[in-house]
Amino acid sequence: MRSKKSQAVLTRLKQITGTTSDASLSSALKISPQTLSSWKGRDSTPYSLCVDIAQARGISLDWLLLGEGPVLRSAPAQSAEENQDNATRENTILALWRLLNEEDRRAIQHALEEKRRLRDMELQLSEMAAILATLQQSKET
C-alpha cells in the first residue's frame, strides 16, 4: 500500500494491537524495528499484512486502511432460518430473565461483565506473550 496515509494506517495498527510505540508495534506485528522504519521511510505499509490482521481480529479494512466506517467488520449475512433460531433463543432468554428477581439479574449481569473483562484480558495477555516471545528471539540473536 502506498499513500500519504501510511502513517495513519500505522497509527490505527497501534490502536488495534494496543501498542503506543514503534518498538512495541514491531513486536506485536512480529517484524523487526528496521522493517517498520523502512515502511515509514517509504511511506508504505504492506497490504497483505493489513488484510491478515483485519481478518484475524474482525477489523474492517475500510477503517484500517482509510479510517472510514466502523472499526469492526459487520457480521456475515445470516439465513432466514438462522435469524429465526436466534430470535427464538433471544425470546426464550428474555422470558427467563423476566422470571428472575432483581438480585439474580444483577448477579447474572455482573457475571457477563466479568466474562467480557476476562476475554479482553486474555486477548491482551496473548498479545503481550507474542511481544515477549519476539523480544526473547531478538535477544538470542
N, C-alpha and C. Protein backbone atom coordinates (compact mmCIF):
# COMPACT_ATOMS: atom_id res chain seq x y z
N MET A 1 0.85 -1.16 0.00
CA MET A 1 0.00 0.00 0.00
C MET A 1 0.89 1.22 0.00
N ARG A 2 0.63 2.16 -0.89
CA ARG A 2 1.48 3.33 -1.00
C ARG A 2 0.60 4.58 -1.03
N SER A 3 0.74 5.41 -0.03
CA SER A 3 -0.01 6.66 0.00
C SER A 3 0.51 7.55 1.12
N LYS A 4 0.04 8.78 1.13
CA LYS A 4 0.40 9.71 2.19
C LYS A 4 -0.27 9.32 3.51
N LYS A 5 -1.18 8.38 3.45
CA LYS A 5 -1.93 7.99 4.64
C LYS A 5 -1.31 6.81 5.36
N SER A 6 -0.13 6.41 4.95
CA SER A 6 0.53 5.25 5.56
C SER A 6 0.76 5.46 7.06
N GLN A 7 1.11 6.66 7.46
CA GLN A 7 1.30 6.95 8.89
C GLN A 7 0.00 6.73 9.66
N ALA A 8 -1.12 7.12 9.05
CA ALA A 8 -2.42 6.92 9.71
C ALA A 8 -2.72 5.44 9.86
N VAL A 9 -2.35 4.64 8.87
CA VAL A 9 -2.57 3.19 8.96
C VAL A 9 -1.74 2.63 10.12
N LEU A 10 -0.50 3.07 10.24
CA LEU A 10 0.35 2.60 11.34
C LEU A 10 -0.24 3.02 12.69
N THR A 11 -0.81 4.20 12.75
CA THR A 11 -1.45 4.66 13.99
C THR A 11 -2.64 3.76 14.33
N ARG A 12 -3.45 3.41 13.32
CA ARG A 12 -4.58 2.52 13.57
C ARG A 12 -4.11 1.11 13.94
N LEU A 13 -2.99 0.67 13.36
CA LEU A 13 -2.43 -0.63 13.75
C LEU A 13 -2.01 -0.61 15.22
N LYS A 14 -1.47 0.52 15.66
CA LYS A 14 -1.12 0.65 17.08
C LYS A 14 -2.37 0.56 17.94
N GLN A 15 -3.45 1.17 17.49
CA GLN A 15 -4.70 1.13 18.25
C GLN A 15 -5.18 -0.31 18.43
N ILE A 16 -5.22 -1.07 17.34
CA ILE A 16 -5.80 -2.41 17.45
C ILE A 16 -4.86 -3.41 18.10
N THR A 17 -3.57 -3.12 18.13
CA THR A 17 -2.64 -4.01 18.81
C THR A 17 -2.39 -3.57 20.25
N GLY A 18 -2.95 -2.42 20.62
CA GLY A 18 -2.79 -1.94 21.99
C GLY A 18 -1.37 -1.47 22.29
N THR A 19 -0.68 -1.00 21.26
CA THR A 19 0.69 -0.53 21.43
C THR A 19 0.74 0.98 21.31
N THR A 20 1.84 1.57 21.82
CA THR A 20 1.95 3.02 21.76
C THR A 20 3.23 3.48 21.08
N SER A 21 4.20 2.59 20.97
CA SER A 21 5.47 2.99 20.36
C SER A 21 5.75 2.14 19.12
N ASP A 22 6.67 2.62 18.31
CA ASP A 22 7.05 1.85 17.12
C ASP A 22 7.68 0.52 17.52
N ALA A 23 8.46 0.52 18.59
CA ALA A 23 9.12 -0.72 19.04
C ALA A 23 8.08 -1.76 19.45
N SER A 24 7.08 -1.33 20.20
CA SER A 24 6.06 -2.29 20.63
C SER A 24 5.18 -2.72 19.45
N LEU A 25 4.94 -1.83 18.50
CA LEU A 25 4.18 -2.21 17.30
C LEU A 25 4.94 -3.25 16.49
N SER A 26 6.22 -3.03 16.30
CA SER A 26 7.01 -4.00 15.53
C SER A 26 7.00 -5.36 16.23
N SER A 27 7.05 -5.37 17.54
CA SER A 27 6.96 -6.64 18.29
C SER A 27 5.60 -7.29 18.09
N ALA A 28 4.54 -6.50 18.21
CA ALA A 28 3.19 -7.04 18.05
C ALA A 28 2.95 -7.59 16.65
N LEU A 29 3.58 -6.95 15.65
CA LEU A 29 3.42 -7.40 14.26
C LEU A 29 4.41 -8.51 13.90
N LYS A 30 5.31 -8.79 14.84
CA LYS A 30 6.35 -9.81 14.64
C LYS A 30 7.25 -9.46 13.45
N ILE A 31 7.65 -8.19 13.42
CA ILE A 31 8.60 -7.71 12.42
C ILE A 31 9.72 -6.99 13.15
N SER A 32 10.81 -6.78 12.47
CA SER A 32 11.91 -6.07 13.12
C SER A 32 11.63 -4.57 13.13
N PRO A 33 12.20 -3.86 14.09
CA PRO A 33 12.05 -2.40 14.11
C PRO A 33 12.58 -1.76 12.83
N GLN A 34 13.61 -2.38 12.23
CA GLN A 34 14.16 -1.86 10.98
C GLN A 34 13.14 -1.96 9.84
N THR A 35 12.37 -3.06 9.83
CA THR A 35 11.34 -3.21 8.80
C THR A 35 10.30 -2.12 8.94
N LEU A 36 9.86 -1.88 10.17
CA LEU A 36 8.86 -0.82 10.40
C LEU A 36 9.43 0.54 10.00
N SER A 37 10.67 0.78 10.33
CA SER A 37 11.32 2.03 9.96
C SER A 37 11.39 2.17 8.44
N SER A 38 11.64 1.07 7.77
CA SER A 38 11.68 1.08 6.31
C SER A 38 10.32 1.42 5.72
N TRP A 39 9.27 0.85 6.29
CA TRP A 39 7.92 1.17 5.81
C TRP A 39 7.65 2.66 5.96
N LYS A 40 8.03 3.21 7.10
CA LYS A 40 7.79 4.63 7.34
C LYS A 40 8.59 5.48 6.36
N GLY A 41 9.83 5.08 6.10
CA GLY A 41 10.67 5.83 5.18
C GLY A 41 10.14 5.81 3.75
N ARG A 42 9.55 4.69 3.36
CA ARG A 42 8.99 4.56 2.01
C ARG A 42 7.54 5.02 1.94
N ASP A 43 6.97 5.38 3.11
CA ASP A 43 5.56 5.74 3.20
C ASP A 43 4.71 4.60 2.62
N SER A 44 4.98 3.39 3.15
CA SER A 44 4.34 2.20 2.61
C SER A 44 4.06 1.20 3.73
N THR A 45 2.88 0.61 3.69
CA THR A 45 2.52 -0.46 4.62
C THR A 45 2.00 -1.62 3.78
N PRO A 46 2.52 -2.83 3.98
CA PRO A 46 2.10 -3.95 3.14
C PRO A 46 0.60 -4.24 3.26
N TYR A 47 -0.04 -4.27 2.12
CA TYR A 47 -1.47 -4.53 2.06
C TYR A 47 -1.78 -5.92 2.63
N SER A 48 -0.96 -6.91 2.32
CA SER A 48 -1.23 -8.28 2.78
C SER A 48 -1.21 -8.36 4.31
N LEU A 49 -0.33 -7.62 4.95
CA LEU A 49 -0.29 -7.58 6.41
C LEU A 49 -1.59 -7.00 6.95
N CYS A 50 -2.05 -5.92 6.35
CA CYS A 50 -3.29 -5.29 6.80
C CYS A 50 -4.47 -6.25 6.64
N VAL A 51 -4.52 -6.96 5.52
CA VAL A 51 -5.60 -7.92 5.29
C VAL A 51 -5.55 -9.02 6.34
N ASP A 52 -4.37 -9.56 6.60
CA ASP A 52 -4.22 -10.64 7.58
C ASP A 52 -4.68 -10.19 8.97
N ILE A 53 -4.26 -9.02 9.38
CA ILE A 53 -4.64 -8.50 10.71
C ILE A 53 -6.14 -8.24 10.77
N ALA A 54 -6.68 -7.66 9.71
CA ALA A 54 -8.12 -7.38 9.69
C ALA A 54 -8.92 -8.68 9.80
N GLN A 55 -8.50 -9.70 9.07
CA GLN A 55 -9.21 -10.98 9.14
C GLN A 55 -9.10 -11.61 10.52
N ALA A 56 -7.90 -11.61 11.07
CA ALA A 56 -7.67 -12.26 12.36
C ALA A 56 -8.43 -11.58 13.49
N ARG A 57 -8.60 -10.27 13.41
CA ARG A 57 -9.21 -9.52 14.52
C ARG A 57 -10.62 -9.04 14.23
N GLY A 58 -11.16 -9.36 13.06
CA GLY A 58 -12.51 -8.92 12.73
C GLY A 58 -12.61 -7.42 12.50
N ILE A 59 -11.52 -6.82 12.03
CA ILE A 59 -11.45 -5.38 11.80
C ILE A 59 -11.86 -5.07 10.36
N SER A 60 -12.53 -3.96 10.18
CA SER A 60 -12.93 -3.51 8.85
C SER A 60 -11.71 -2.96 8.10
N LEU A 61 -11.50 -3.43 6.87
CA LEU A 61 -10.40 -2.91 6.07
C LEU A 61 -10.62 -1.44 5.72
N ASP A 62 -11.88 -1.04 5.52
CA ASP A 62 -12.15 0.38 5.26
C ASP A 62 -11.63 1.24 6.40
N TRP A 63 -11.87 0.78 7.62
CA TRP A 63 -11.40 1.56 8.76
C TRP A 63 -9.87 1.50 8.86
N LEU A 64 -9.31 0.31 8.74
CA LEU A 64 -7.87 0.16 8.91
C LEU A 64 -7.09 0.92 7.84
N LEU A 65 -7.50 0.81 6.59
CA LEU A 65 -6.75 1.44 5.50
C LEU A 65 -7.12 2.89 5.26
N LEU A 66 -8.39 3.22 5.45
CA LEU A 66 -8.86 4.57 5.09
C LEU A 66 -9.32 5.40 6.29
N GLY A 67 -9.52 4.75 7.43
CA GLY A 67 -10.04 5.47 8.59
C GLY A 67 -11.51 5.79 8.45
N GLU A 68 -12.23 5.02 7.63
CA GLU A 68 -13.64 5.29 7.38
C GLU A 68 -14.51 4.14 7.87
N GLY A 69 -15.69 4.48 8.35
CA GLY A 69 -16.65 3.45 8.75
C GLY A 69 -16.35 2.89 10.13
N PRO A 70 -17.10 1.84 10.48
CA PRO A 70 -16.93 1.23 11.80
C PRO A 70 -15.61 0.47 11.90
N VAL A 71 -15.08 0.36 13.11
CA VAL A 71 -13.83 -0.36 13.33
C VAL A 71 -14.01 -1.85 13.05
N LEU A 72 -15.10 -2.40 13.55
CA LEU A 72 -15.32 -3.84 13.40
C LEU A 72 -16.05 -4.15 12.10
N ARG A 73 -15.68 -5.27 11.53
CA ARG A 73 -16.32 -5.76 10.31
C ARG A 73 -17.73 -6.19 10.67
N SER A 74 -18.67 -5.95 9.78
CA SER A 74 -20.05 -6.39 10.05
C SER A 74 -20.12 -7.90 9.92
N ALA A 75 -21.01 -8.48 10.69
CA ALA A 75 -21.17 -9.93 10.68
C ALA A 75 -21.71 -10.37 9.32
N PRO A 76 -21.32 -11.57 8.85
CA PRO A 76 -21.84 -12.05 7.58
C PRO A 76 -23.36 -12.23 7.65
N ALA A 77 -23.99 -12.07 6.53
CA ALA A 77 -25.44 -12.20 6.47
C ALA A 77 -25.85 -13.60 6.89
N GLN A 78 -26.93 -13.67 7.66
CA GLN A 78 -27.41 -14.96 8.12
C GLN A 78 -28.63 -15.36 7.31
N SER A 79 -28.86 -16.65 7.26
CA SER A 79 -30.02 -17.15 6.56
C SER A 79 -31.27 -16.84 7.39
N ALA A 80 -32.42 -16.91 6.75
CA ALA A 80 -33.68 -16.65 7.46
C ALA A 80 -33.86 -17.65 8.59
N GLU A 81 -33.43 -18.90 8.38
CA GLU A 81 -33.56 -19.93 9.41
C GLU A 81 -32.68 -19.59 10.62
N GLU A 82 -31.45 -19.13 10.36
CA GLU A 82 -30.56 -18.75 11.46
C GLU A 82 -31.12 -17.55 12.21
N ASN A 83 -31.69 -16.59 11.47
CA ASN A 83 -32.29 -15.42 12.12
C ASN A 83 -33.46 -15.84 13.00
N GLN A 84 -34.27 -16.78 12.52
CA GLN A 84 -35.41 -17.26 13.31
C GLN A 84 -34.94 -17.99 14.56
N ASP A 85 -33.88 -18.83 14.41
CA ASP A 85 -33.33 -19.54 15.57
C ASP A 85 -32.80 -18.55 16.60
N ASN A 86 -32.11 -17.52 16.13
CA ASN A 86 -31.58 -16.50 17.05
C ASN A 86 -32.70 -15.75 17.76
N ALA A 87 -33.74 -15.41 17.01
CA ALA A 87 -34.87 -14.69 17.61
C ALA A 87 -35.56 -15.56 18.66
N THR A 88 -35.72 -16.84 18.35
CA THR A 88 -36.34 -17.76 19.31
C THR A 88 -35.50 -17.87 20.57
N ARG A 89 -34.19 -18.01 20.39
CA ARG A 89 -33.28 -18.11 21.53
C ARG A 89 -33.34 -16.84 22.37
N GLU A 90 -33.31 -15.68 21.72
CA GLU A 90 -33.36 -14.41 22.45
C GLU A 90 -34.68 -14.25 23.20
N ASN A 91 -35.78 -14.65 22.60
CA ASN A 91 -37.08 -14.56 23.27
C ASN A 91 -37.14 -15.48 24.48
N THR A 92 -36.55 -16.66 24.36
CA THR A 92 -36.51 -17.60 25.49
C THR A 92 -35.69 -17.01 26.62
N ILE A 93 -34.52 -16.46 26.28
CA ILE A 93 -33.67 -15.86 27.31
C ILE A 93 -34.38 -14.69 27.97
N LEU A 94 -35.04 -13.86 27.18
CA LEU A 94 -35.75 -12.71 27.73
C LEU A 94 -36.88 -13.16 28.66
N ALA A 95 -37.62 -14.20 28.27
CA ALA A 95 -38.70 -14.71 29.12
C ALA A 95 -38.14 -15.23 30.45
N LEU A 96 -37.02 -15.96 30.39
CA LEU A 96 -36.40 -16.46 31.61
C LEU A 96 -35.89 -15.30 32.47
N TRP A 97 -35.32 -14.29 31.82
CA TRP A 97 -34.80 -13.11 32.52
C TRP A 97 -35.92 -12.43 33.32
N ARG A 98 -37.08 -12.34 32.72
CA ARG A 98 -38.20 -11.67 33.37
C ARG A 98 -38.70 -12.43 34.60
N LEU A 99 -38.41 -13.73 34.66
CA LEU A 99 -38.82 -14.53 35.80
C LEU A 99 -37.89 -14.37 37.00
N LEU A 100 -36.72 -13.80 36.78
CA LEU A 100 -35.73 -13.65 37.84
C LEU A 100 -36.02 -12.45 38.72
N ASN A 101 -35.60 -12.54 39.98
CA ASN A 101 -35.71 -11.37 40.84
C ASN A 101 -34.53 -10.44 40.55
N GLU A 102 -34.59 -9.24 41.08
CA GLU A 102 -33.58 -8.22 40.77
C GLU A 102 -32.18 -8.63 41.19
N GLU A 103 -32.07 -9.29 42.32
CA GLU A 103 -30.76 -9.72 42.81
C GLU A 103 -30.12 -10.72 41.84
N ASP A 104 -30.92 -11.66 41.35
CA ASP A 104 -30.40 -12.63 40.38
C ASP A 104 -30.01 -11.97 39.06
N ARG A 105 -30.82 -10.99 38.65
CA ARG A 105 -30.49 -10.26 37.41
C ARG A 105 -29.15 -9.55 37.55
N ARG A 106 -28.93 -8.90 38.70
CA ARG A 106 -27.66 -8.20 38.92
C ARG A 106 -26.49 -9.18 38.93
N ALA A 107 -26.71 -10.34 39.55
CA ALA A 107 -25.64 -11.35 39.61
C ALA A 107 -25.29 -11.85 38.20
N ILE A 108 -26.28 -12.06 37.38
CA ILE A 108 -26.03 -12.52 36.00
C ILE A 108 -25.34 -11.42 35.21
N GLN A 109 -25.80 -10.20 35.34
CA GLN A 109 -25.16 -9.09 34.63
C GLN A 109 -23.71 -8.95 35.06
N HIS A 110 -23.45 -9.08 36.35
CA HIS A 110 -22.08 -8.99 36.85
C HIS A 110 -21.23 -10.11 36.25
N ALA A 111 -21.77 -11.33 36.20
CA ALA A 111 -21.02 -12.46 35.64
C ALA A 111 -20.71 -12.23 34.16
N LEU A 112 -21.67 -11.69 33.42
CA LEU A 112 -21.45 -11.42 32.00
C LEU A 112 -20.39 -10.34 31.80
N GLU A 113 -20.45 -9.30 32.61
CA GLU A 113 -19.45 -8.24 32.51
C GLU A 113 -18.06 -8.77 32.88
N GLU A 114 -18.01 -9.64 33.87
CA GLU A 114 -16.74 -10.24 34.28
C GLU A 114 -16.18 -11.13 33.17
N LYS A 115 -17.05 -11.88 32.51
CA LYS A 115 -16.62 -12.73 31.40
C LYS A 115 -16.05 -11.88 30.27
N ARG A 116 -16.69 -10.77 29.95
CA ARG A 116 -16.18 -9.88 28.90
C ARG A 116 -14.83 -9.30 29.30
N ARG A 117 -14.70 -8.92 30.56
CA ARG A 117 -13.43 -8.37 31.05
C ARG A 117 -12.33 -9.42 30.96
N LEU A 118 -12.64 -10.65 31.34
CA LEU A 118 -11.65 -11.73 31.26
C LEU A 118 -11.25 -12.02 29.82
N ARG A 119 -12.21 -11.97 28.91
CA ARG A 119 -11.92 -12.20 27.50
C ARG A 119 -10.98 -11.11 26.98
N ASP A 120 -11.23 -9.86 27.36
CA ASP A 120 -10.35 -8.76 26.96
C ASP A 120 -8.95 -8.94 27.54
N MET A 121 -8.88 -9.37 28.79
CA MET A 121 -7.58 -9.59 29.42
C MET A 121 -6.83 -10.74 28.75
N GLU A 122 -7.54 -11.80 28.35
CA GLU A 122 -6.90 -12.92 27.66
C GLU A 122 -6.30 -12.45 26.33
N LEU A 123 -7.02 -11.58 25.63
CA LEU A 123 -6.50 -11.04 24.37
C LEU A 123 -5.25 -10.21 24.62
N GLN A 124 -5.28 -9.37 25.63
CA GLN A 124 -4.11 -8.56 25.97
C GLN A 124 -2.94 -9.45 26.38
N LEU A 125 -3.22 -10.49 27.13
CA LEU A 125 -2.17 -11.41 27.58
C LEU A 125 -1.54 -12.12 26.39
N SER A 126 -2.34 -12.55 25.44
CA SER A 126 -1.76 -13.23 24.27
C SER A 126 -0.92 -12.26 23.44
N GLU A 127 -1.35 -11.01 23.35
CA GLU A 127 -0.55 -10.02 22.63
C GLU A 127 0.76 -9.76 23.37
N MET A 128 0.71 -9.69 24.68
CA MET A 128 1.92 -9.47 25.47
C MET A 128 2.86 -10.68 25.36
N ALA A 129 2.30 -11.87 25.32
CA ALA A 129 3.12 -13.08 25.18
C ALA A 129 3.83 -13.07 23.83
N ALA A 130 3.13 -12.61 22.79
CA ALA A 130 3.75 -12.53 21.47
C ALA A 130 4.89 -11.52 21.47
N ILE A 131 4.67 -10.40 22.14
CA ILE A 131 5.72 -9.38 22.23
C ILE A 131 6.92 -9.93 22.99
N LEU A 132 6.65 -10.62 24.09
CA LEU A 132 7.72 -11.20 24.90
C LEU A 132 8.52 -12.23 24.09
N ALA A 133 7.80 -13.07 23.34
CA ALA A 133 8.48 -14.07 22.53
C ALA A 133 9.37 -13.40 21.47
N THR A 134 8.87 -12.33 20.88
CA THR A 134 9.66 -11.60 19.89
C THR A 134 10.89 -10.98 20.52
N LEU A 135 10.70 -10.40 21.70
CA LEU A 135 11.85 -9.79 22.39
C LEU A 135 12.87 -10.85 22.77
N GLN A 136 12.41 -12.00 23.22
CA GLN A 136 13.34 -13.07 23.57
C GLN A 136 14.10 -13.58 22.35
N GLN A 137 13.41 -13.68 21.22
CA GLN A 137 14.06 -14.11 19.98
C GLN A 137 15.11 -13.09 19.55
N SER A 138 14.76 -11.81 19.64
CA SER A 138 15.72 -10.80 19.22
C SER A 138 16.91 -10.73 20.17
N LYS A 139 16.70 -11.06 21.41
CA LYS A 139 17.76 -11.06 22.41
C LYS A 139 18.73 -12.22 22.15
N GLU A 140 18.21 -13.34 21.67
CA GLU A 140 19.01 -14.52 21.40
C GLU A 140 19.88 -14.35 20.16
N THR A 141 19.45 -13.49 19.26
CA THR A 141 20.22 -13.31 18.01
C THR A 141 21.22 -12.21 18.10
